[in-house]
Amino acid sequence: MNSPKHSMLALATALAASALLSACYVVPARPYRGGYAYDDVYGPPVTVAPPPAQVEVVGVAPYPGAIWIGGYWNWVGGRHVWVHGRWDAPRPGYRYEPHMWRRDGQSWREAPGRWRPVN
């Protein structure tokens, strides 16, 4: 048999969990504005230039029509880390723009790779 103390503790735990979970929300994607704008980059400015791209062995596509999306240097934990390329399905009406680094004064900023509508 549960004591009133245990019941109150269970109720308080359930209320705390529901309050924490209710704070989750989905952020809608930003509309395409063309080109790379300041808000298209993420992360802090990086003062270390990205190294040259690594050579990747692409191999055979896993299915007909698959496209290769090349790897890139990501900024993680204060250093550049290579993210390997991957195969992906084409998206009708879209083209893939690869991940890139842009010079920003004395630093670099990362722009993520993404699918863009074909005009």
C-alpha atoms as a PDB file:
ATOM      1  CA  MET A   1       0.000   0.000   0.000  1.00  0.00           C
ATOM      2  CA  ASN A   2       1.326   3.450  -0.938  1.00  0.00           C
ATOM      3  CA  SER A   3       1.638   5.993   1.808  1.00  0.00           C
ATOM      4  CA  PRO A   4       0.424   9.572   1.217  1.00  0.00           C
ATOM      5  CA  LYS A   5       4.081  10.655   1.272  1.00  0.00           C
ATOM      6  CA  HIS A   6       4.946   8.310  -1.644  1.00  0.00           C
ATOM      7  CA  SER A   7       1.844   9.394  -3.571  1.00  0.00           C
ATOM      8  CA  MET A   8       2.753  13.079  -3.192  1.00  0.00           C
ATOM      9  CA  LEU A   9       6.337  12.349  -4.322  1.00  0.00           C
ATOM     10  CA  ALA A  10       5.079  10.476  -7.399  1.00  0.00           C
ATOM     11  CA  LEU A  11       2.675  13.320  -8.215  1.00  0.00           C
ATOM     12  CA  ALA A  12       5.430  15.942  -7.810  1.00  0.00           C
ATOM     13  CA  THR A  13       7.764  13.911 -10.052  1.00  0.00           C
ATOM     14  CA  ALA A  14       5.076  13.535 -12.730  1.00  0.00           C
ATOM     15  CA  LEU A  15       4.286  17.266 -12.637  1.00  0.00           C
ATOM     16  CA  ALA A  16       7.978  18.198 -12.898  1.00  0.00           C
ATOM     17  CA  ALA A  17       8.477  15.816 -15.842  1.00  0.00           C
ATOM     18  CA  SER A  18       5.438  17.169 -17.687  1.00  0.00           C
ATOM     19  CA  ALA A  19       6.593  20.742 -17.119  1.00  0.00           C
ATOM     20  CA  LEU A  20      10.031  19.938 -18.543  1.00  0.00           C
ATOM     21  CA  LEU A  21       8.622  18.083 -21.553  1.00  0.00           C
ATOM     22  CA  SER A  22       6.116  20.835 -22.313  1.00  0.00           C
ATOM     23  CA  ALA A  23       9.061  23.207 -22.890  1.00  0.00           C
ATOM     24  CA  CYS A  24      10.018  21.274 -26.067  1.00  0.00           C
ATOM     25  CA  TYR A  25       8.929  22.847 -29.331  1.00  0.00           C
ATOM     26  CA  VAL A  26       9.675  22.570 -33.038  1.00  0.00           C
ATOM     27  CA  VAL A  27      11.303  25.467 -34.859  1.00  0.00           C
ATOM     28  CA  PRO A  28      10.115  25.844 -38.464  1.00  0.00           C
ATOM     29  CA  ALA A  29      12.708  25.996 -41.231  1.00  0.00           C
ATOM     30  CA  ARG A  30      13.717  29.445 -42.469  1.00  0.00           C
ATOM     31  CA  PRO A  31      12.491  30.415 -45.924  1.00  0.00           C
ATOM     32  CA  TYR A  32      15.028  30.440 -48.746  1.00  0.00           C
ATOM     33  CA  ARG A  33      16.318  33.965 -49.434  1.00  0.00           C
ATOM     34  CA  GLY A  34      18.932  33.146 -52.048  1.00  0.00           C
ATOM     35  CA  GLY A  35      22.701  33.099 -51.542  1.00  0.00           C
ATOM     36  CA  TYR A  36      24.441  32.860 -48.193  1.00  0.00           C
ATOM     37  CA  ALA A  37      23.425  35.492 -45.684  1.00  0.00           C
ATOM     38  CA  TYR A  38      24.889  36.090 -42.233  1.00  0.00           C
ATOM     39  CA  ASP A  39      22.114  34.035 -40.635  1.00  0.00           C
ATOM     40  CA  ASP A  40      22.915  31.049 -42.903  1.00  0.00           C
ATOM     41  CA  VAL A  41      26.105  30.350 -40.949  1.00  0.00           C
ATOM     42  CA  TYR A  42      26.244  28.708 -37.582  1.00  0.00           C
ATOM     43  CA  GLY A  43      28.672  28.460 -34.744  1.00  0.00           C
ATOM     44  CA  PRO A  44      31.158  31.048 -33.598  1.00  0.00           C
ATOM     45  CA  PRO A  45      33.775  32.600 -35.871  1.00  0.00           C
ATOM     46  CA  VAL A  46      36.796  30.300 -36.148  1.00  0.00           C
ATOM     47  CA  THR A  47      40.308  31.751 -36.368  1.00  0.00           C
ATOM     48  CA  VAL A  48      41.845  28.534 -37.735  1.00  0.00           C
ATOM     49  CA  ALA A  49      41.405  28.013 -41.483  1.00  0.00           C
ATOM     50  CA  PRO A  50      39.936  24.648 -42.452  1.00  0.00           C
ATOM     51  CA  PRO A  51      42.476  22.159 -43.830  1.00  0.00           C
ATOM     52  CA  PRO A  52      42.283  21.034 -47.466  1.00  0.00           C
ATOM     53  CA  ALA A  53      39.498  18.545 -48.166  1.00  0.00           C
ATOM     54  CA  GLN A  54      40.406  14.912 -47.622  1.00  0.00           C
ATOM     55  CA  VAL A  55      40.442  12.496 -50.538  1.00  0.00           C
ATOM     56  CA  GLU A  56      37.516  10.111 -50.253  1.00  0.00           C
ATOM     57  CA  VAL A  57      36.936   6.811 -52.012  1.00  0.00           C
ATOM     58  CA  VAL A  58      33.430   7.089 -53.392  1.00  0.00           C
ATOM     59  CA  GLY A  59      32.793   3.528 -54.538  1.00  0.00           C
ATOM     60  CA  VAL A  60      29.630   2.219 -56.194  1.00  0.00           C
ATOM     61  CA  ALA A  61      26.263   3.871 -55.586  1.00  0.00           C
ATOM     62  CA  PRO A  62      24.037   1.782 -53.294  1.00  0.00           C
ATOM     63  CA  TYR A  63      21.068   2.146 -55.685  1.00  0.00           C
ATOM     64  CA  PRO A  64      20.387   3.661 -59.118  1.00  0.00           C
ATOM     65  CA  GLY A  65      20.160   7.477 -59.082  1.00  0.00           C
ATOM     66  CA  ALA A  66      21.907   7.930 -55.717  1.00  0.00           C
ATOM     67  CA  ILE A  67      24.116  11.018 -55.557  1.00  0.00           C
ATOM     68  CA  TRP A  68      27.361  11.451 -53.647  1.00  0.00           C
ATOM     69  CA  ILE A  69      27.531  14.274 -51.115  1.00  0.00           C
ATOM     70  CA  GLY A  70      31.195  14.907 -50.360  1.00  0.00           C
ATOM     71  CA  GLY A  71      32.682  15.154 -46.895  1.00  0.00           C
ATOM     72  CA  TYR A  72      33.670  18.391 -45.177  1.00  0.00           C
ATOM     73  CA  TRP A  73      35.536  19.836 -42.213  1.00  0.00           C
ATOM     74  CA  ASN A  74      33.298  20.583 -39.223  1.00  0.00           C
ATOM     75  CA  TRP A  75      34.314  22.631 -36.156  1.00  0.00           C
ATOM     76  CA  VAL A  76      33.937  20.506 -33.003  1.00  0.00           C
ATOM     77  CA  GLY A  77      35.527  20.980 -29.598  1.00  0.00           C
ATOM     78  CA  GLY A  78      37.893  23.725 -30.729  1.00  0.00           C
ATOM     79  CA  ARG A  79      39.289  21.866 -33.751  1.00  0.00           C
ATOM     80  CA  HIS A  80      38.421  20.835 -37.300  1.00  0.00           C
ATOM     81  CA  VAL A  81      36.971  17.329 -37.570  1.00  0.00           C
ATOM     82  CA  TRP A  82      36.405  15.563 -40.908  1.00  0.00           C
ATOM     83  CA  VAL A  83      32.828  14.428 -41.619  1.00  0.00           C
ATOM     84  CA  HIS A  84      32.809  11.659 -44.238  1.00  0.00           C
ATOM     85  CA  GLY A  85      30.743  11.965 -47.402  1.00  0.00           C
ATOM     86  CA  ARG A  86      27.598   9.930 -47.955  1.00  0.00           C
ATOM     87  CA  TRP A  87      25.182   8.742 -50.588  1.00  0.00           C
ATOM     88  CA  ASP A  88      21.765  10.402 -50.694  1.00  0.00           C
ATOM     89  CA  ALA A  89      18.609  10.188 -52.758  1.00  0.00           C
ATOM     90  CA  PRO A  90      18.070  13.006 -55.249  1.00  0.00           C
ATOM     91  CA  ARG A  91      15.211  15.385 -54.476  1.00  0.00           C
ATOM     92  CA  PRO A  92      13.169  16.431 -57.499  1.00  0.00           C
ATOM     93  CA  GLY A  93      13.177  20.211 -57.932  1.00  0.00           C
ATOM     94  CA  TYR A  94      16.228  20.672 -55.695  1.00  0.00           C
ATOM     95  CA  ARG A  95      20.006  20.735 -56.057  1.00  0.00           C
ATOM     96  CA  TYR A  96      22.548  20.132 -53.325  1.00  0.00           C
ATOM     97  CA  GLU A  97      24.876  22.975 -52.295  1.00  0.00           C
ATOM     98  CA  PRO A  98      27.900  21.579 -50.454  1.00  0.00           C
ATOM     99  CA  HIS A  99      29.094  22.556 -47.003  1.00  0.00           C
ATOM    100  CA  MET A 100      31.576  25.416 -47.185  1.00  0.00           C
ATOM    101  CA  TRP A 101      33.741  27.754 -45.162  1.00  0.00           C
ATOM    102  CA  ARG A 102      33.656  31.504 -45.855  1.00  0.00           C
ATOM    103  CA  ARG A 103      36.277  34.036 -44.852  1.00  0.00           C
ATOM    104  CA  ASP A 104      34.879  36.634 -42.416  1.00  0.00           C
ATOM    105  CA  GLY A 105      37.595  39.244 -41.734  1.00  0.00           C
ATOM    106  CA  GLN A 106      40.307  37.528 -39.675  1.00  0.00           C
ATOM    107  CA  SER A 107      38.159  34.442 -39.054  1.00  0.00           C
ATOM    108  CA  TRP A 108      36.140  31.772 -40.871  1.00  0.00           C
ATOM    109  CA  ARG A 109      32.431  30.929 -40.731  1.00  0.00           C
ATOM    110  CA  GLU A 110      30.784  27.651 -41.577  1.00  0.00           C
ATOM    111  CA  ALA A 111      27.813  27.388 -43.969  1.00  0.00           C
ATOM    112  CA  PRO A 112      26.054  24.014 -43.863  1.00  0.00           C
ATOM    113  CA  GLY A 113      25.414  21.942 -46.959  1.00  0.00           C
ATOM    114  CA  ARG A 114      21.750  21.893 -47.956  1.00  0.00           C
ATOM    115  CA  TRP A 115      19.193  21.179 -50.615  1.00  0.00           C
ATOM    116  CA  ARG A 116      18.103  24.339 -52.483  1.00  0.00           C
ATOM    117  CA  PRO A 117      15.159  24.750 -54.848  1.00  0.00           C
ATOM    118  CA  VAL A 118      16.067  24.887 -58.535  1.00  0.00           C
ATOM    119  CA  ASN A 119      14.750  28.061 -60.106  1.00  0.00           C
END
